[in-house]
Amino acid sequence: MKYENHNPVEHTHNKETAHAFMGFCSFISILNNKKVNLPNIFILLLKDKKLRNLFKEQIDIDTDFEMVKLFLFYDPSLHKSKYIMKYINSSKNKLIH
């Protein structure tokens, strides 16, 4: 997902993906009745397969790896989050259920 691409179709796709991503994050906040930060949304998607599948369908991606790449695109410091590190350390066997 590059923004420096001058292809109008690619540019439109990137803008639509960004809009869908932010819309889904707003949806999660509405479901939880409070503002939820990006690391917590990411953890919710890792924990809940139905929510993860809804996200992938909404964003039009196929794999969990693409989902992780998209989150890292929007927040490159996501891997430093203490919430995510705590979840990873507590889930030694399988990170994505």
C-alpha atoms as a PDB file:
ATOM      1  CA  MET A   1       0.000   0.000   0.000  1.00  0.00           C
ATOM      2  CA  LYS A   2       1.957   2.947  -1.318  1.00  0.00           C
ATOM      3  CA  TYR A   3       0.689   6.495  -1.494  1.00  0.00           C
ATOM      4  CA  GLU A   4       3.387   7.719  -3.866  1.00  0.00           C
ATOM      5  CA  ASN A   5       1.946   5.693  -6.749  1.00  0.00           C
ATOM      6  CA  HIS A   6       0.574   7.923  -9.528  1.00  0.00           C
ATOM      7  CA  ASN A   7      -1.855   5.312 -10.871  1.00  0.00           C
ATOM      8  CA  PRO A   8      -5.371   6.722 -10.312  1.00  0.00           C
ATOM      9  CA  VAL A   9      -6.930   3.273  -9.818  1.00  0.00           C
ATOM     10  CA  GLU A  10      -4.342   2.333  -7.188  1.00  0.00           C
ATOM     11  CA  HIS A  11      -4.737   5.723  -5.518  1.00  0.00           C
ATOM     12  CA  THR A  12      -8.521   5.278  -5.322  1.00  0.00           C
ATOM     13  CA  HIS A  13      -8.119   1.738  -3.944  1.00  0.00           C
ATOM     14  CA  ASN A  14      -5.740   2.995  -1.252  1.00  0.00           C
ATOM     15  CA  LYS A  15      -8.141   5.771  -0.250  1.00  0.00           C
ATOM     16  CA  GLU A  16     -11.058   3.333  -0.069  1.00  0.00           C
ATOM     17  CA  THR A  17      -8.991   0.909   2.017  1.00  0.00           C
ATOM     18  CA  ALA A  18      -8.016   3.711   4.405  1.00  0.00           C
ATOM     19  CA  HIS A  19     -11.651   4.800   4.703  1.00  0.00           C
ATOM     20  CA  ALA A  20     -12.838   1.221   5.346  1.00  0.00           C
ATOM     21  CA  PHE A  21     -10.052   0.699   7.917  1.00  0.00           C
ATOM     22  CA  MET A  22     -10.964   3.837   9.865  1.00  0.00           C
ATOM     23  CA  GLY A  23     -14.661   3.018   9.568  1.00  0.00           C
ATOM     24  CA  PHE A  24     -14.096  -0.436  11.014  1.00  0.00           C
ATOM     25  CA  CYS A  25     -12.079   1.017  13.902  1.00  0.00           C
ATOM     26  CA  SER A  26     -14.991   3.380  14.584  1.00  0.00           C
ATOM     27  CA  PHE A  27     -17.361   0.411  14.467  1.00  0.00           C
ATOM     28  CA  ILE A  28     -15.293  -1.377  17.145  1.00  0.00           C
ATOM     29  CA  SER A  29     -15.416   1.743  19.311  1.00  0.00           C
ATOM     30  CA  ILE A  30     -19.197   1.891  18.932  1.00  0.00           C
ATOM     31  CA  LEU A  31     -19.520  -1.800  19.836  1.00  0.00           C
ATOM     32  CA  ASN A  32     -17.479  -1.253  22.988  1.00  0.00           C
ATOM     33  CA  ASN A  33     -19.225   2.051  23.794  1.00  0.00           C
ATOM     34  CA  LYS A  34     -15.868   3.773  24.301  1.00  0.00           C
ATOM     35  CA  LYS A  35     -12.869   4.925  22.303  1.00  0.00           C
ATOM     36  CA  VAL A  36     -10.635   1.926  21.638  1.00  0.00           C
ATOM     37  CA  ASN A  37      -7.024   2.440  20.590  1.00  0.00           C
ATOM     38  CA  LEU A  38      -5.409   0.644  17.660  1.00  0.00           C
ATOM     39  CA  PRO A  39      -3.417  -1.911  19.712  1.00  0.00           C
ATOM     40  CA  ASN A  40      -6.583  -2.992  21.517  1.00  0.00           C
ATOM     41  CA  ILE A  41      -8.488  -3.270  18.223  1.00  0.00           C
ATOM     42  CA  PHE A  42      -5.648  -5.401  16.871  1.00  0.00           C
ATOM     43  CA  ILE A  43      -5.786  -7.699  19.913  1.00  0.00           C
ATOM     44  CA  LEU A  44      -9.578  -7.976  19.613  1.00  0.00           C
ATOM     45  CA  LEU A  45      -9.150  -9.105  16.007  1.00  0.00           C
ATOM     46  CA  LEU A  46      -6.510 -11.650  17.020  1.00  0.00           C
ATOM     47  CA  LYS A  47      -8.805 -13.083  19.675  1.00  0.00           C
ATOM     48  CA  ASP A  48     -12.134 -13.103  17.827  1.00  0.00           C
ATOM     49  CA  LYS A  49     -12.233 -15.051  14.565  1.00  0.00           C
ATOM     50  CA  LYS A  50     -15.697 -13.770  13.561  1.00  0.00           C
ATOM     51  CA  LEU A  51     -14.646 -10.168  14.043  1.00  0.00           C
ATOM     52  CA  ARG A  52     -11.401 -10.849  12.157  1.00  0.00           C
ATOM     53  CA  ASN A  53     -13.301 -12.374   9.241  1.00  0.00           C
ATOM     54  CA  LEU A  54     -15.662  -9.393   9.183  1.00  0.00           C
ATOM     55  CA  PHE A  55     -12.659  -7.050   9.095  1.00  0.00           C
ATOM     56  CA  LYS A  56     -11.003  -8.975   6.264  1.00  0.00           C
ATOM     57  CA  GLU A  57     -14.240  -8.985   4.275  1.00  0.00           C
ATOM     58  CA  GLN A  58     -14.803  -5.263   4.867  1.00  0.00           C
ATOM     59  CA  ILE A  59     -11.247  -4.344   3.876  1.00  0.00           C
ATOM     60  CA  ASP A  60     -11.189  -6.910   1.030  1.00  0.00           C
ATOM     61  CA  ILE A  61      -8.104  -8.834   2.117  1.00  0.00           C
ATOM     62  CA  ASP A  62      -7.686 -12.601   2.169  1.00  0.00           C
ATOM     63  CA  THR A  63      -5.146 -13.546   4.828  1.00  0.00           C
ATOM     64  CA  ASP A  64      -4.321 -12.784   8.429  1.00  0.00           C
ATOM     65  CA  PHE A  65      -0.824 -11.802   7.303  1.00  0.00           C
ATOM     66  CA  GLU A  66      -2.278  -9.034   5.122  1.00  0.00           C
ATOM     67  CA  MET A  67      -4.298  -7.881   8.123  1.00  0.00           C
ATOM     68  CA  VAL A  68      -1.140  -7.609  10.232  1.00  0.00           C
ATOM     69  CA  LYS A  69       0.652  -5.738   7.422  1.00  0.00           C
ATOM     70  CA  LEU A  70      -2.236  -3.283   7.168  1.00  0.00           C
ATOM     71  CA  PHE A  71      -2.181  -2.565  10.896  1.00  0.00           C
ATOM     72  CA  LEU A  72       1.583  -2.062  10.788  1.00  0.00           C
ATOM     73  CA  PHE A  73       1.157   0.301   7.830  1.00  0.00           C
ATOM     74  CA  TYR A  74      -1.181   2.516   9.855  1.00  0.00           C
ATOM     75  CA  ASP A  75       0.841   2.273  13.069  1.00  0.00           C
ATOM     76  CA  PRO A  76       4.468   1.170  12.555  1.00  0.00           C
ATOM     77  CA  SER A  77       5.088   1.323  16.307  1.00  0.00           C
ATOM     78  CA  LEU A  78       2.353  -1.253  16.962  1.00  0.00           C
ATOM     79  CA  HIS A  79       4.896  -3.988  17.697  1.00  0.00           C
ATOM     80  CA  LYS A  80       6.182  -1.928  20.652  1.00  0.00           C
ATOM     81  CA  SER A  81       2.787  -1.853  22.372  1.00  0.00           C
ATOM     82  CA  LYS A  82       2.848  -3.311  25.874  1.00  0.00           C
ATOM     83  CA  TYR A  83      -0.702  -4.620  25.356  1.00  0.00           C
ATOM     84  CA  ILE A  84       0.314  -6.597  22.281  1.00  0.00           C
ATOM     85  CA  MET A  85       3.505  -7.904  23.913  1.00  0.00           C
ATOM     86  CA  LYS A  86       1.471  -9.012  26.925  1.00  0.00           C
ATOM     87  CA  TYR A  87      -0.999 -10.837  24.641  1.00  0.00           C
ATOM     88  CA  ILE A  88       1.802 -12.495  22.665  1.00  0.00           C
ATOM     89  CA  ASN A  89       3.573 -13.621  25.829  1.00  0.00           C
ATOM     90  CA  SER A  90       0.363 -15.022  27.300  1.00  0.00           C
ATOM     91  CA  SER A  91      -0.475 -16.908  24.084  1.00  0.00           C
ATOM     92  CA  LYS A  92       2.566 -19.103  23.602  1.00  0.00           C
ATOM     93  CA  ASN A  93       0.850 -21.791  21.509  1.00  0.00           C
ATOM     94  CA  LYS A  94      -1.303 -20.072  18.905  1.00  0.00           C
ATOM     95  CA  LEU A  95      -1.561 -16.306  18.455  1.00  0.00           C
ATOM     96  CA  ILE A  96      -4.508 -16.260  16.077  1.00  0.00           C
ATOM     97  CA  HIS A  97      -7.412 -18.418  17.198  1.00  0.00           C
END
